[in-house]
PDB file of all heavy atoms in Angstrom:
ATOM      1  N   SER A   1      -8.857 207.930  58.801  1.00  0.00           N
ATOM      2  CA  SER A   1      -8.320 206.789  58.074  1.00  0.00           C
ATOM      3  C   SER A   1      -9.275 205.739  57.885  1.00  0.00           C
ATOM      4  O   SER A   1     -10.182 205.411  58.683  1.00  0.00           O
ATOM      5  CB  SER A   1      -7.155 206.172  58.840  1.00  0.00           C
ATOM      6  OG  SER A   1      -6.123 207.086  58.967  1.00  0.00           O
ATOM      7  N   PRO A   2      -9.435 205.131  56.641  1.00  0.00           N
ATOM      8  CA  PRO A   2     -10.271 203.999  56.385  1.00  0.00           C
ATOM      9  C   PRO A   2      -9.911 202.812  57.219  1.00  0.00           C
ATOM     10  O   PRO A   2      -8.755 202.678  57.606  1.00  0.00           O
ATOM     11  CB  PRO A   2     -10.158 203.791  54.902  1.00  0.00           C
ATOM     12  CG  PRO A   2      -8.811 204.220  54.593  1.00  0.00           C
ATOM     13  CD  PRO A   2      -8.534 205.419  55.558  1.00  0.00           C
ATOM     14  N   ASP A   3     -10.918 201.931  57.482  1.00  0.00           N
ATOM     15  CA  ASP A   3     -10.591 200.641  58.166  1.00  0.00           C
ATOM     16  C   ASP A   3      -9.863 199.747  57.237  1.00  0.00           C
ATOM     17  O   ASP A   3     -10.206 199.672  56.010  1.00  0.00           O
ATOM     18  CB  ASP A   3     -12.006 200.015  58.624  1.00  0.00           C
ATOM     19  CG  ASP A   3     -12.622 200.751  59.690  1.00  0.00           C
ATOM     20  OD1 ASP A   3     -11.991 201.423  60.478  1.00  0.00           O
ATOM     21  OD2 ASP A   3     -13.899 200.630  59.770  1.00  0.00           O
ATOM     22  N   PRO A   4      -8.874 199.118  57.679  1.00  0.00           N
ATOM     23  CA  PRO A   4      -8.188 198.033  56.805  1.00  0.00           C
ATOM     24  C   PRO A   4      -9.112 196.943  56.489  1.00  0.00           C
ATOM     25  O   PRO A   4      -9.756 196.370  57.315  1.00  0.00           O
ATOM     26  CB  PRO A   4      -7.020 197.546  57.843  1.00  0.00           C
ATOM     27  CG  PRO A   4      -7.521 197.826  59.125  1.00  0.00           C
ATOM     28  CD  PRO A   4      -8.297 199.005  59.057  1.00  0.00           C
ATOM     29  N   GLU A   5      -9.204 196.604  55.200  1.00  0.00           N
ATOM     30  CA  GLU A   5     -10.166 195.696  54.715  1.00  0.00           C
ATOM     31  C   GLU A   5      -9.568 194.288  54.282  1.00  0.00           C
ATOM     32  O   GLU A   5     -10.151 193.268  54.235  1.00  0.00           O
ATOM     33  CB  GLU A   5     -10.922 196.184  53.537  1.00  0.00           C
ATOM     34  CG  GLU A   5     -11.847 197.451  53.998  1.00  0.00           C
ATOM     35  CD  GLU A   5     -12.567 198.071  52.741  1.00  0.00           C
ATOM     36  OE1 GLU A   5     -12.314 197.457  51.563  1.00  0.00           O
ATOM     37  OE2 GLU A   5     -13.389 198.921  52.943  1.00  0.00           O
ATOM     38  N   THR A   6      -8.195 194.394  53.949  1.00  0.00           N
ATOM     39  CA  THR A   6      -7.539 193.132  53.501  1.00  0.00           C
ATOM     40  C   THR A   6      -6.622 192.577  54.624  1.00  0.00           C
ATOM     41  O   THR A   6      -6.302 193.331  55.599  1.00  0.00           O
ATOM     42  CB  THR A   6      -6.600 193.498  52.266  1.00  0.00           C
ATOM     43  OG1 THR A   6      -5.589 194.412  52.673  1.00  0.00           O
ATOM     44  CG2 THR A   6      -7.476 194.085  51.139  1.00  0.00           C
ATOM     45  N   ILE A   7      -6.327 191.339  54.441  1.00  0.00           N
ATOM     46  CA  ILE A   7      -5.405 190.750  55.565  1.00  0.00           C
ATOM     47  C   ILE A   7      -4.076 191.432  55.579  1.00  0.00           C
ATOM     48  O   ILE A   7      -3.484 191.610  56.675  1.00  0.00           O
ATOM     49  CB  ILE A   7      -5.221 189.220  55.297  1.00  0.00           C
ATOM     50  CG1 ILE A   7      -4.399 188.562  56.406  1.00  0.00           C
ATOM     51  CG2 ILE A   7      -4.543 189.011  53.947  1.00  0.00           C
ATOM     52  CD1 ILE A   7      -5.239 188.772  57.790  1.00  0.00           C
ATOM     53  N   GLU A   8      -3.592 191.879  54.464  1.00  0.00           N
ATOM     54  CA  GLU A   8      -2.309 192.607  54.407  1.00  0.00           C
ATOM     55  C   GLU A   8      -2.376 193.967  55.055  1.00  0.00           C
ATOM     56  O   GLU A   8      -1.527 194.261  55.905  1.00  0.00           O
ATOM     57  CB  GLU A   8      -1.791 192.865  52.947  1.00  0.00           C
ATOM     58  CG  GLU A   8      -1.443 191.565  52.196  1.00  0.00           C
ATOM     59  CD  GLU A   8      -2.665 190.934  51.614  1.00  0.00           C
ATOM     60  OE1 GLU A   8      -3.784 191.415  51.581  1.00  0.00           O
ATOM     61  OE2 GLU A   8      -2.449 189.640  51.265  1.00  0.00           O
ATOM     62  N   ALA A   9      -3.535 194.603  54.929  1.00  0.00           N
ATOM     63  CA  ALA A   9      -3.672 195.972  55.689  1.00  0.00           C
ATOM     64  C   ALA A   9      -3.848 195.741  57.182  1.00  0.00           C
ATOM     65  O   ALA A   9      -3.330 196.585  57.875  1.00  0.00           O
ATOM     66  CB  ALA A   9      -4.904 196.649  55.007  1.00  0.00           C
ATOM     67  N   LYS A  10      -4.583 194.643  57.452  1.00  0.00           N
ATOM     68  CA  LYS A  10      -4.763 194.408  58.917  1.00  0.00           C
ATOM     69  C   LYS A  10      -3.563 193.979  59.574  1.00  0.00           C
ATOM     70  O   LYS A  10      -3.175 194.409  60.674  1.00  0.00           O
ATOM     71  CB  LYS A  10      -5.767 193.335  59.088  1.00  0.00           C
ATOM     72  CG  LYS A  10      -7.159 193.763  58.655  1.00  0.00           C
ATOM     73  CD  LYS A  10      -8.190 192.571  58.766  1.00  0.00           C
ATOM     74  CE  LYS A  10      -9.571 193.075  58.307  1.00  0.00           C
ATOM     75  NZ  LYS A  10     -10.599 191.893  58.387  1.00  0.00           N
ATOM     76  N   LEU A  11      -2.610 193.268  58.907  1.00  0.00           N
ATOM     77  CA  LEU A  11      -1.311 192.916  59.490  1.00  0.00           C
ATOM     78  C   LEU A  11      -0.443 194.052  59.548  1.00  0.00           C
ATOM     79  O   LEU A  11       0.270 194.211  60.561  1.00  0.00           O
ATOM     80  CB  LEU A  11      -0.683 191.801  58.574  1.00  0.00           C
ATOM     81  CG  LEU A  11      -1.332 190.416  58.678  1.00  0.00           C
ATOM     82  CD1 LEU A  11      -0.754 189.519  57.518  1.00  0.00           C
ATOM     83  CD2 LEU A  11      -1.055 189.799  60.077  1.00  0.00           C
ATOM     84  N   LEU A  12      -0.416 195.038  58.596  1.00  0.00           N
ATOM     85  CA  LEU A  12       0.411 196.182  58.659  1.00  0.00           C
ATOM     86  C   LEU A  12      -0.098 197.166  59.801  1.00  0.00           C
ATOM     87  O   LEU A  12       0.763 197.603  60.518  1.00  0.00           O
ATOM     88  CB  LEU A  12       0.401 196.905  57.325  1.00  0.00           C
ATOM     89  CG  LEU A  12       1.211 198.269  57.362  1.00  0.00           C
ATOM     90  CD1 LEU A  12       2.605 197.940  57.462  1.00  0.00           C
ATOM     91  CD2 LEU A  12       0.897 199.024  56.112  1.00  0.00           C
ATOM     92  N   PHE A  13      -1.431 197.272  59.947  1.00  0.00           N
ATOM     93  CA  PHE A  13      -1.934 198.058  60.962  1.00  0.00           C
ATOM     94  C   PHE A  13      -1.552 197.510  62.365  1.00  0.00           C
ATOM     95  O   PHE A  13      -0.996 198.249  63.167  1.00  0.00           O
ATOM     96  CB  PHE A  13      -3.447 198.017  60.873  1.00  0.00           C
ATOM     97  CG  PHE A  13      -4.162 198.809  61.954  1.00  0.00           C
ATOM     98  CD1 PHE A  13      -4.558 200.166  61.683  1.00  0.00           C
ATOM     99  CD2 PHE A  13      -4.421 198.265  63.316  1.00  0.00           C
ATOM    100  CE1 PHE A  13      -5.247 200.898  62.716  1.00  0.00           C
ATOM    101  CE2 PHE A  13      -5.046 199.045  64.205  1.00  0.00           C
ATOM    102  CZ  PHE A  13      -5.386 200.352  63.902  1.00  0.00           C
ATOM    103  N   ASP A  14      -1.638 196.177  62.520  1.00  0.00           N
ATOM    104  CA  ASP A  14      -1.317 195.593  63.843  1.00  0.00           C
ATOM    105  C   ASP A  14       0.234 195.723  64.151  1.00  0.00           C
ATOM    106  O   ASP A  14       0.550 196.052  65.278  1.00  0.00           O
ATOM    107  CB  ASP A  14      -1.643 194.184  63.864  1.00  0.00           C
ATOM    108  CG  ASP A  14      -3.181 193.892  64.057  1.00  0.00           C
ATOM    109  OD1 ASP A  14      -3.942 194.822  64.010  1.00  0.00           O
ATOM    110  OD2 ASP A  14      -3.525 192.671  64.192  1.00  0.00           O
ATOM    111  N   ALA A  15       1.041 195.525  63.105  1.00  0.00           N
ATOM    112  CA  ALA A  15       2.494 195.615  63.311  1.00  0.00           C
ATOM    113  C   ALA A  15       2.896 197.048  63.740  1.00  0.00           C
ATOM    114  O   ALA A  15       3.699 197.247  64.485  1.00  0.00           O
ATOM    115  CB  ALA A  15       3.204 195.145  62.091  1.00  0.00           C
ATOM    116  N   ASP A  16       2.284 198.006  63.062  1.00  0.00           N
ATOM    117  CA  ASP A  16       2.603 199.360  63.334  1.00  0.00           C
ATOM    118  C   ASP A  16       2.138 199.780  64.772  1.00  0.00           C
ATOM    119  O   ASP A  16       2.818 200.492  65.437  1.00  0.00           O
ATOM    120  CB  ASP A  16       1.878 200.252  62.293  1.00  0.00           C
ATOM    121  CG  ASP A  16       2.253 201.743  62.409  1.00  0.00           C
ATOM    122  OD1 ASP A  16       3.527 202.003  62.493  1.00  0.00           O
ATOM    123  OD2 ASP A  16       1.410 202.613  62.390  1.00  0.00           O
ATOM    124  N   LYS A  17       1.028 199.199  65.270  1.00  0.00           N
ATOM    125  CA  LYS A  17       0.442 199.586  66.551  1.00  0.00           C
ATOM    126  C   LYS A  17       1.420 198.845  67.579  1.00  0.00           C
ATOM    127  O   LYS A  17       1.667 199.381  68.671  1.00  0.00           O
ATOM    128  CB  LYS A  17      -1.042 199.201  66.646  1.00  0.00           C
ATOM    129  CG  LYS A  17      -1.897 199.843  65.700  1.00  0.00           C
ATOM    130  CD  LYS A  17      -1.742 201.399  65.692  1.00  0.00           C
ATOM    131  CE  LYS A  17      -2.078 202.102  64.451  1.00  0.00           C
ATOM    132  NZ  LYS A  17      -0.984 201.880  63.341  1.00  0.00           N
ATOM    133  N   LEU A  18       1.724 197.566  67.339  1.00  0.00           N
ATOM    134  CA  LEU A  18       2.579 196.849  68.245  1.00  0.00           C
ATOM    135  C   LEU A  18       3.934 197.486  68.424  1.00  0.00           C
ATOM    136  O   LEU A  18       4.645 197.266  69.439  1.00  0.00           O
ATOM    137  CB  LEU A  18       2.719 195.394  67.797  1.00  0.00           C
ATOM    138  CG  LEU A  18       1.437 194.549  67.875  1.00  0.00           C
ATOM    139  CD1 LEU A  18       1.559 193.257  67.106  1.00  0.00           C
ATOM    140  CD2 LEU A  18       1.193 194.243  69.486  1.00  0.00           C
ATOM    141  N   GLU A  19       4.395 198.282  67.490  1.00  0.00           N
ATOM    142  CA  GLU A  19       5.578 199.090  67.557  1.00  0.00           C
ATOM    143  C   GLU A  19       5.513 200.087  68.657  1.00  0.00           C
ATOM    144  O   GLU A  19       6.575 200.659  69.059  1.00  0.00           O
ATOM    145  CB  GLU A  19       5.876 199.759  66.240  1.00  0.00           C
ATOM    146  CG  GLU A  19       6.968 199.098  65.427  1.00  0.00           C
ATOM    147  CD  GLU A  19       8.334 199.374  65.942  1.00  0.00           C
ATOM    148  OE1 GLU A  19       9.018 200.447  65.642  1.00  0.00           O
ATOM    149  OE2 GLU A  19       8.977 198.533  66.622  1.00  0.00           O
ATOM    150  N   ALA A  20       4.430 200.376  69.270  1.00  0.00           N
ATOM    151  CA  ALA A  20       4.273 201.320  70.370  1.00  0.00           C
ATOM    152  C   ALA A  20       3.851 200.578  71.563  1.00  0.00           C
ATOM    153  O   ALA A  20       3.352 201.100  72.519  1.00  0.00           O
ATOM    154  CB  ALA A  20       3.093 202.392  69.995  1.00  0.00           C
ATOM    155  N   THR A  21       4.290 199.288  71.677  1.00  0.00           N
ATOM    156  CA  THR A  21       4.060 198.532  72.911  1.00  0.00           C
ATOM    157  C   THR A  21       5.288 197.675  73.259  1.00  0.00           C
ATOM    158  O   THR A  21       6.254 197.675  72.533  1.00  0.00           O
ATOM    159  CB  THR A  21       2.852 197.546  72.753  1.00  0.00           C
ATOM    160  OG1 THR A  21       3.317 196.605  71.636  1.00  0.00           O
ATOM    161  CG2 THR A  21       1.622 198.270  72.253  1.00  0.00           C
ATOM    162  N   GLY A  22       5.331 197.187  74.441  1.00  0.00           N
ATOM    163  CA  GLY A  22       6.516 196.418  74.860  1.00  0.00           C
ATOM    164  C   GLY A  22       7.667 197.373  75.335  1.00  0.00           C
ATOM    165  O   GLY A  22       7.566 198.577  75.362  1.00  0.00           O
ATOM    166  N   ALA A  23       8.869 196.723  75.337  1.00  0.00           N
ATOM    167  CA  ALA A  23       9.991 197.532  75.795  1.00  0.00           C
ATOM    168  C   ALA A  23      10.426 198.602  74.744  1.00  0.00           C
ATOM    169  O   ALA A  23      10.661 199.748  75.072  1.00  0.00           O
ATOM    170  CB  ALA A  23      11.156 196.598  76.083  1.00  0.00           C
ATOM    171  N   ARG A  24      10.512 198.124  73.565  1.00  0.00           N
ATOM    172  CA  ARG A  24      10.916 199.030  72.454  1.00  0.00           C
ATOM    173  C   ARG A  24       9.792 200.141  72.320  1.00  0.00           C
ATOM    174  O   ARG A  24      10.030 201.317  72.040  1.00  0.00           O
ATOM    175  CB  ARG A  24      11.002 198.280  71.074  1.00  0.00           C
ATOM    176  CG  ARG A  24      11.796 199.084  70.039  1.00  0.00           C
ATOM    177  CD  ARG A  24      11.761 198.289  68.760  1.00  0.00           C
ATOM    178  NE  ARG A  24      12.320 196.984  68.799  1.00  0.00           N
ATOM    179  CZ  ARG A  24      13.466 196.602  68.566  1.00  0.00           C
ATOM    180  NH1 ARG A  24      14.420 197.533  68.209  1.00  0.00           N
ATOM    181  NH2 ARG A  24      13.930 195.302  68.646  1.00  0.00           N
ATOM    182  N   GLY A  25       8.580 199.686  72.449  1.00  0.00           N
ATOM    183  CA  GLY A  25       7.339 200.602  72.380  1.00  0.00           C
ATOM    184  C   GLY A  25       7.541 201.849  73.373  1.00  0.00           C
ATOM    185  O   GLY A  25       7.112 202.910  73.013  1.00  0.00           O
ATOM    186  N   ILE A  26       7.935 201.480  74.575  1.00  0.00           N
ATOM    187  CA  ILE A  26       8.014 202.491  75.642  1.00  0.00           C
ATOM    188  C   ILE A  26       8.964 203.582  75.164  1.00  0.00           C
ATOM    189  O   ILE A  26       8.747 204.774  75.291  1.00  0.00           O
ATOM    190  CB  ILE A  26       8.385 201.918  77.009  1.00  0.00           C
ATOM    191  CG1 ILE A  26       7.216 201.054  77.532  1.00  0.00           C
ATOM    192  CG2 ILE A  26       8.738 203.009  78.013  1.00  0.00           C
ATOM    193  CD1 ILE A  26       7.547 200.194  78.717  1.00  0.00           C
ATOM    194  N   VAL A  27      10.074 203.148  74.719  1.00  0.00           N
ATOM    195  CA  VAL A  27      11.166 204.023  74.267  1.00  0.00           C
ATOM    196  C   VAL A  27      10.660 204.867  73.070  1.00  0.00           C
ATOM    197  O   VAL A  27      10.842 206.107  72.937  1.00  0.00           O
ATOM    198  CB  VAL A  27      12.443 203.253  73.800  1.00  0.00           C
ATOM    199  CG1 VAL A  27      13.371 204.305  73.160  1.00  0.00           C
ATOM    200  CG2 VAL A  27      13.096 202.671  74.965  1.00  0.00           C
ATOM    201  N   ARG A  28       9.914 204.232  72.198  1.00  0.00           N
ATOM    202  CA  ARG A  28       9.393 204.902  70.975  1.00  0.00           C
ATOM    203  C   ARG A  28       8.285 205.912  71.418  1.00  0.00           C
ATOM    204  O   ARG A  28       8.296 207.026  70.790  1.00  0.00           O
ATOM    205  CB  ARG A  28       8.808 203.901  69.990  1.00  0.00           C
ATOM    206  CG  ARG A  28       8.499 204.466  68.664  1.00  0.00           C
ATOM    207  CD  ARG A  28       8.243 203.413  67.573  1.00  0.00           C
ATOM    208  NE  ARG A  28       7.618 204.056  66.432  1.00  0.00           N
ATOM    209  CZ  ARG A  28       6.324 204.106  66.264  1.00  0.00           C
ATOM    210  NH1 ARG A  28       5.528 203.509  67.043  1.00  0.00           N
ATOM    211  NH2 ARG A  28       5.833 204.824  65.176  1.00  0.00           N
ATOM    212  N   LEU A  29       7.505 205.650  72.268  1.00  0.00           N
ATOM    213  CA  LEU A  29       6.398 206.461  72.663  1.00  0.00           C
ATOM    214  C   LEU A  29       7.036 207.737  73.402  1.00  0.00           C
ATOM    215  O   LEU A  29       6.527 208.884  73.193  1.00  0.00           O
ATOM    216  CB  LEU A  29       5.437 205.827  73.726  1.00  0.00           C
ATOM    217  CG  LEU A  29       4.525 204.794  73.021  1.00  0.00           C
ATOM    218  CD1 LEU A  29       3.674 204.136  74.155  1.00  0.00           C
ATOM    219  CD2 LEU A  29       3.564 205.457  72.013  1.00  0.00           C
TER     220      LEU A  29
END
């Protein structure tokens, strides 16, 4: 995958990765 270059791409990347963390993330993993 290419690196995210725009602020929108970086925010989407971060939100998607954070979805695999925390309480909800444990269930999702």
